[in-house]
Amino acid sequence: MTIQELQTQLLALTPDQKSNLIQLLRHSLQMPWQGISKTPGVMGGEACIRDTRIPVWLLVSYRRMGLTEAKLLDNYANLTAADLVNAWSYHSANLAEIDLAIDRQEEA
């Protein structure tokens, strides 16, 4: 979806729908991502799984290559199913950030 398409849809919302959307966005901006952290100097400050150096973009990249969650959990013994849920959720809410990180890695 492009920004223009999104803008058209947003302008078509009722005042109540716009208010609900603003509240949702405000909440999502204030909500820390459980199980995901960004630490300056660790993996370039990329979003990583809690207490690891495993970036979210790497897990998303593997998933796109067809690795199953079971295989990811086998390959990374310190990952849990909850970690993967957190990673997918973070990716869904931060598509541009994660996709850009994947693109940077593919170019390197």
N, C-alpha and C. Protein backbone atom coordinates (compact mmCIF):
# COMPACT_ATOMS: atom_id res chain seq x y z
N MET A 1 0.85 -1.17 0.00
CA MET A 1 0.00 0.00 0.00
C MET A 1 0.90 1.24 0.00
N THR A 2 0.57 2.19 -0.83
CA THR A 2 1.34 3.42 -0.89
C THR A 2 0.81 4.43 0.13
N ILE A 3 1.60 5.45 0.37
CA ILE A 3 1.18 6.52 1.28
C ILE A 3 -0.07 7.21 0.75
N GLN A 4 -0.13 7.41 -0.56
CA GLN A 4 -1.31 8.07 -1.14
C GLN A 4 -2.57 7.22 -0.95
N GLU A 5 -2.45 5.91 -1.13
CA GLU A 5 -3.60 5.03 -0.92
C GLU A 5 -4.04 5.06 0.54
N LEU A 6 -3.06 5.03 1.43
CA LEU A 6 -3.37 5.09 2.86
C LEU A 6 -4.02 6.43 3.21
N GLN A 7 -3.50 7.51 2.66
CA GLN A 7 -4.07 8.83 2.92
C GLN A 7 -5.52 8.89 2.46
N THR A 8 -5.81 8.35 1.30
CA THR A 8 -7.18 8.34 0.79
C THR A 8 -8.10 7.58 1.75
N GLN A 9 -7.63 6.44 2.21
CA GLN A 9 -8.45 5.64 3.14
C GLN A 9 -8.63 6.35 4.47
N LEU A 10 -7.57 6.99 4.96
CA LEU A 10 -7.67 7.70 6.24
C LEU A 10 -8.65 8.86 6.16
N LEU A 11 -8.61 9.58 5.06
CA LEU A 11 -9.52 10.71 4.92
C LEU A 11 -10.97 10.28 4.80
N ALA A 12 -11.20 9.05 4.40
CA ALA A 12 -12.57 8.54 4.25
C ALA A 12 -13.15 8.05 5.59
N LEU A 13 -12.34 7.96 6.62
CA LEU A 13 -12.82 7.49 7.92
C LEU A 13 -13.74 8.51 8.57
N THR A 14 -14.64 8.01 9.40
CA THR A 14 -15.49 8.89 10.19
C THR A 14 -14.66 9.52 11.32
N PRO A 15 -15.15 10.60 11.92
CA PRO A 15 -14.41 11.19 13.05
C PRO A 15 -14.15 10.18 14.18
N ASP A 16 -15.14 9.34 14.49
CA ASP A 16 -14.94 8.34 15.54
C ASP A 16 -13.85 7.34 15.15
N GLN A 17 -13.85 6.90 13.90
CA GLN A 17 -12.83 5.97 13.44
C GLN A 17 -11.44 6.61 13.49
N LYS A 18 -11.36 7.88 13.11
CA LYS A 18 -10.07 8.59 13.16
C LYS A 18 -9.58 8.70 14.60
N SER A 19 -10.49 8.98 15.51
CA SER A 19 -10.12 9.08 16.92
C SER A 19 -9.59 7.74 17.43
N ASN A 20 -10.29 6.66 17.08
CA ASN A 20 -9.83 5.33 17.49
C ASN A 20 -8.46 5.01 16.91
N LEU A 21 -8.26 5.39 15.66
CA LEU A 21 -6.98 5.15 15.01
C LEU A 21 -5.86 5.93 15.69
N ILE A 22 -6.11 7.17 16.03
CA ILE A 22 -5.10 7.99 16.72
C ILE A 22 -4.74 7.36 18.06
N GLN A 23 -5.72 6.88 18.79
CA GLN A 23 -5.46 6.23 20.07
C GLN A 23 -4.63 4.96 19.87
N LEU A 24 -4.95 4.20 18.86
CA LEU A 24 -4.20 2.97 18.56
C LEU A 24 -2.75 3.30 18.22
N LEU A 25 -2.55 4.30 17.37
CA LEU A 25 -1.19 4.69 16.99
C LEU A 25 -0.41 5.21 18.18
N ARG A 26 -1.04 6.04 19.00
CA ARG A 26 -0.36 6.56 20.19
C ARG A 26 0.05 5.42 21.11
N HIS A 27 -0.85 4.48 21.30
CA HIS A 27 -0.55 3.33 22.15
C HIS A 27 0.61 2.51 21.57
N SER A 28 0.59 2.29 20.28
CA SER A 28 1.64 1.47 19.66
C SER A 28 3.00 2.15 19.73
N LEU A 29 3.03 3.47 19.68
CA LEU A 29 4.29 4.20 19.79
C LEU A 29 4.83 4.18 21.21
N GLN A 30 3.97 4.11 22.19
CA GLN A 30 4.38 4.10 23.59
C GLN A 30 4.71 2.69 24.08
N MET A 31 4.19 1.69 23.40
CA MET A 31 4.32 0.32 23.86
C MET A 31 5.73 -0.21 23.57
N PRO A 32 6.48 -0.56 24.59
CA PRO A 32 7.76 -1.19 24.33
C PRO A 32 7.53 -2.59 23.77
N TRP A 33 8.42 -3.03 22.95
CA TRP A 33 8.27 -4.36 22.35
C TRP A 33 8.82 -5.40 23.29
N GLN A 34 7.92 -6.15 23.88
CA GLN A 34 8.31 -7.20 24.81
C GLN A 34 9.19 -8.21 24.08
N GLY A 35 10.33 -8.47 24.64
CA GLY A 35 11.22 -9.48 24.08
C GLY A 35 12.09 -8.99 22.94
N ILE A 36 11.96 -7.74 22.55
CA ILE A 36 12.76 -7.16 21.48
C ILE A 36 13.51 -5.96 22.07
N SER A 37 14.80 -5.87 21.76
CA SER A 37 15.56 -4.73 22.27
C SER A 37 16.48 -4.18 21.19
N LYS A 38 16.76 -2.90 21.33
CA LYS A 38 17.73 -2.22 20.48
C LYS A 38 18.77 -1.63 21.41
N THR A 39 20.00 -2.08 21.24
CA THR A 39 21.08 -1.62 22.11
C THR A 39 22.17 -1.02 21.24
N PRO A 40 22.48 0.27 21.45
CA PRO A 40 23.57 0.87 20.67
C PRO A 40 24.85 0.04 20.83
N GLY A 41 25.52 -0.21 19.74
CA GLY A 41 26.76 -0.98 19.78
C GLY A 41 26.58 -2.48 19.70
N VAL A 42 25.35 -2.95 19.76
CA VAL A 42 25.08 -4.38 19.63
C VAL A 42 24.36 -4.60 18.31
N MET A 43 24.97 -5.31 17.40
CA MET A 43 24.41 -5.60 16.08
C MET A 43 23.97 -4.31 15.38
N GLY A 44 24.79 -3.28 15.54
CA GLY A 44 24.51 -2.01 14.87
C GLY A 44 23.24 -1.32 15.36
N GLY A 45 22.80 -1.67 16.56
CA GLY A 45 21.59 -1.06 17.10
C GLY A 45 20.30 -1.62 16.51
N GLU A 46 20.42 -2.72 15.74
CA GLU A 46 19.24 -3.34 15.13
C GLU A 46 18.36 -3.97 16.21
N ALA A 47 17.08 -4.15 15.89
CA ALA A 47 16.15 -4.81 16.81
C ALA A 47 16.55 -6.29 16.91
N CYS A 48 16.80 -6.73 18.15
CA CYS A 48 17.24 -8.10 18.40
C CYS A 48 16.32 -8.78 19.41
N ILE A 49 16.36 -10.10 19.40
CA ILE A 49 15.64 -10.88 20.40
C ILE A 49 16.30 -10.62 21.75
N ARG A 50 15.49 -10.51 22.77
CA ARG A 50 15.95 -10.18 24.13
C ARG A 50 17.20 -10.99 24.51
N ASP A 51 18.14 -10.28 25.10
CA ASP A 51 19.37 -10.89 25.64
C ASP A 51 20.14 -11.74 24.64
N THR A 52 20.02 -11.44 23.36
CA THR A 52 20.79 -12.16 22.35
C THR A 52 21.35 -11.16 21.35
N ARG A 53 22.11 -11.67 20.42
CA ARG A 53 22.59 -10.87 19.30
C ARG A 53 21.91 -11.37 18.01
N ILE A 54 20.71 -11.89 18.15
CA ILE A 54 19.95 -12.40 17.00
C ILE A 54 19.00 -11.30 16.53
N PRO A 55 19.31 -10.68 15.38
CA PRO A 55 18.44 -9.60 14.90
C PRO A 55 17.13 -10.13 14.31
N VAL A 56 16.10 -9.34 14.48
CA VAL A 56 14.79 -9.70 13.93
C VAL A 56 14.88 -9.88 12.42
N TRP A 57 15.63 -9.00 11.74
CA TRP A 57 15.72 -9.08 10.28
C TRP A 57 16.26 -10.43 9.84
N LEU A 58 17.19 -11.02 10.62
CA LEU A 58 17.75 -12.32 10.26
C LEU A 58 16.69 -13.41 10.31
N LEU A 59 15.89 -13.41 11.36
CA LEU A 59 14.83 -14.41 11.49
C LEU A 59 13.80 -14.25 10.37
N VAL A 60 13.44 -13.01 10.06
CA VAL A 60 12.49 -12.75 8.98
C VAL A 60 13.07 -13.22 7.65
N SER A 61 14.35 -12.97 7.46
CA SER A 61 15.02 -13.39 6.23
C SER A 61 15.00 -14.91 6.08
N TYR A 62 15.33 -15.60 7.16
CA TYR A 62 15.28 -17.07 7.13
C TYR A 62 13.87 -17.57 6.86
N ARG A 63 12.90 -16.93 7.47
CA ARG A 63 11.51 -17.32 7.26
C ARG A 63 11.12 -17.17 5.79
N ARG A 64 11.57 -16.09 5.17
CA ARG A 64 11.29 -15.86 3.74
C ARG A 64 11.95 -16.92 2.87
N MET A 65 13.07 -17.46 3.34
CA MET A 65 13.77 -18.52 2.60
C MET A 65 13.11 -19.88 2.78
N GLY A 66 12.10 -19.93 3.64
CA GLY A 66 11.36 -21.16 3.81
C GLY A 66 11.66 -21.95 5.06
N LEU A 67 12.51 -21.43 5.94
CA LEU A 67 12.77 -22.14 7.19
C LEU A 67 11.52 -22.09 8.06
N THR A 68 11.17 -23.20 8.62
CA THR A 68 10.01 -23.27 9.50
C THR A 68 10.39 -22.77 10.89
N GLU A 69 9.38 -22.48 11.68
CA GLU A 69 9.64 -22.07 13.06
C GLU A 69 10.35 -23.18 13.82
N ALA A 70 9.96 -24.41 13.56
CA ALA A 70 10.61 -25.55 14.22
C ALA A 70 12.10 -25.60 13.89
N LYS A 71 12.44 -25.35 12.64
CA LYS A 71 13.84 -25.36 12.22
C LYS A 71 14.60 -24.21 12.87
N LEU A 72 13.97 -23.03 12.93
CA LEU A 72 14.62 -21.90 13.59
C LEU A 72 14.89 -22.20 15.05
N LEU A 73 13.92 -22.82 15.71
CA LEU A 73 14.10 -23.16 17.13
C LEU A 73 15.18 -24.23 17.29
N ASP A 74 15.28 -25.14 16.34
CA ASP A 74 16.36 -26.15 16.39
C ASP A 74 17.73 -25.50 16.19
N ASN A 75 17.79 -24.53 15.27
CA ASN A 75 19.07 -23.89 14.94
C ASN A 75 19.55 -22.92 16.01
N TYR A 76 18.63 -22.35 16.75
CA TYR A 76 18.96 -21.38 17.79
C TYR A 76 18.40 -21.89 19.12
N ALA A 77 19.22 -22.61 19.84
CA ALA A 77 18.78 -23.28 21.06
C ALA A 77 18.25 -22.31 22.12
N ASN A 78 18.73 -21.07 22.12
CA ASN A 78 18.28 -20.12 23.14
C ASN A 78 17.02 -19.36 22.74
N LEU A 79 16.48 -19.65 21.56
CA LEU A 79 15.21 -19.02 21.14
C LEU A 79 14.03 -19.83 21.64
N THR A 80 12.94 -19.12 21.92
CA THR A 80 11.70 -19.79 22.30
C THR A 80 10.63 -19.46 21.26
N ALA A 81 9.54 -20.20 21.31
CA ALA A 81 8.41 -19.91 20.42
C ALA A 81 7.90 -18.49 20.67
N ALA A 82 7.90 -18.05 21.91
CA ALA A 82 7.47 -16.68 22.23
C ALA A 82 8.38 -15.65 21.57
N ASP A 83 9.69 -15.95 21.49
CA ASP A 83 10.61 -15.05 20.82
C ASP A 83 10.24 -14.88 19.35
N LEU A 84 9.87 -15.97 18.72
CA LEU A 84 9.48 -15.90 17.31
C LEU A 84 8.18 -15.10 17.14
N VAL A 85 7.24 -15.31 18.03
CA VAL A 85 5.99 -14.53 17.97
C VAL A 85 6.31 -13.04 18.11
N ASN A 86 7.20 -12.71 19.05
CA ASN A 86 7.59 -11.31 19.22
C ASN A 86 8.29 -10.77 17.98
N ALA A 87 9.14 -11.57 17.37
CA ALA A 87 9.84 -11.14 16.16
C ALA A 87 8.86 -10.89 15.02
N TRP A 88 7.91 -11.80 14.82
CA TRP A 88 6.93 -11.62 13.72
C TRP A 88 6.05 -10.40 13.99
N SER A 89 5.69 -10.21 15.23
CA SER A 89 4.86 -9.06 15.60
C SER A 89 5.63 -7.76 15.37
N TYR A 90 6.89 -7.74 15.78
CA TYR A 90 7.71 -6.55 15.57
C TYR A 90 7.85 -6.26 14.08
N HIS A 91 8.10 -7.30 13.31
CA HIS A 91 8.23 -7.14 11.86
C HIS A 91 6.95 -6.58 11.26
N SER A 92 5.82 -7.11 11.65
CA SER A 92 4.54 -6.64 11.12
C SER A 92 4.32 -5.16 11.38
N ALA A 93 4.76 -4.71 12.54
CA ALA A 93 4.56 -3.30 12.91
C ALA A 93 5.66 -2.39 12.39
N ASN A 94 6.77 -2.98 11.93
CA ASN A 94 7.93 -2.20 11.50
C ASN A 94 8.47 -2.73 10.18
N LEU A 95 7.57 -2.91 9.22
CA LEU A 95 7.94 -3.52 7.93
C LEU A 95 9.10 -2.79 7.26
N ALA A 96 9.00 -1.49 7.15
CA ALA A 96 10.03 -0.74 6.43
C ALA A 96 11.40 -0.89 7.09
N GLU A 97 11.43 -0.82 8.41
CA GLU A 97 12.70 -0.95 9.14
C GLU A 97 13.36 -2.30 8.88
N ILE A 98 12.59 -3.37 9.01
CA ILE A 98 13.15 -4.71 8.86
C ILE A 98 13.50 -4.99 7.40
N ASP A 99 12.63 -4.58 6.49
CA ASP A 99 12.92 -4.79 5.06
C ASP A 99 14.18 -4.03 4.64
N LEU A 100 14.38 -2.84 5.17
CA LEU A 100 15.58 -2.07 4.86
C LEU A 100 16.82 -2.77 5.41
N ALA A 101 16.72 -3.32 6.60
CA ALA A 101 17.85 -4.04 7.20
C ALA A 101 18.19 -5.27 6.35
N ILE A 102 17.19 -5.98 5.88
CA ILE A 102 17.42 -7.14 5.02
C ILE A 102 18.08 -6.70 3.72
N ASP A 103 17.58 -5.63 3.13
CA ASP A 103 18.17 -5.11 1.89
C ASP A 103 19.62 -4.73 2.08
N ARG A 104 19.95 -4.09 3.21
CA ARG A 104 21.34 -3.70 3.48
C ARG A 104 22.24 -4.93 3.58
N GLN A 105 21.73 -5.99 4.20
CA GLN A 105 22.53 -7.21 4.34
C GLN A 105 22.74 -7.90 2.99
N GLU A 106 21.72 -7.86 2.15
CA GLU A 106 21.84 -8.49 0.83
C GLU A 106 22.81 -7.75 -0.07
N GLU A 107 22.94 -6.42 0.15
CA GLU A 107 23.86 -5.62 -0.65
C GLU A 107 25.31 -5.76 -0.18
N ALA A 108 25.48 -6.14 1.09
CA ALA A 108 26.83 -6.23 1.66
C ALA A 108 27.60 -7.42 1.13
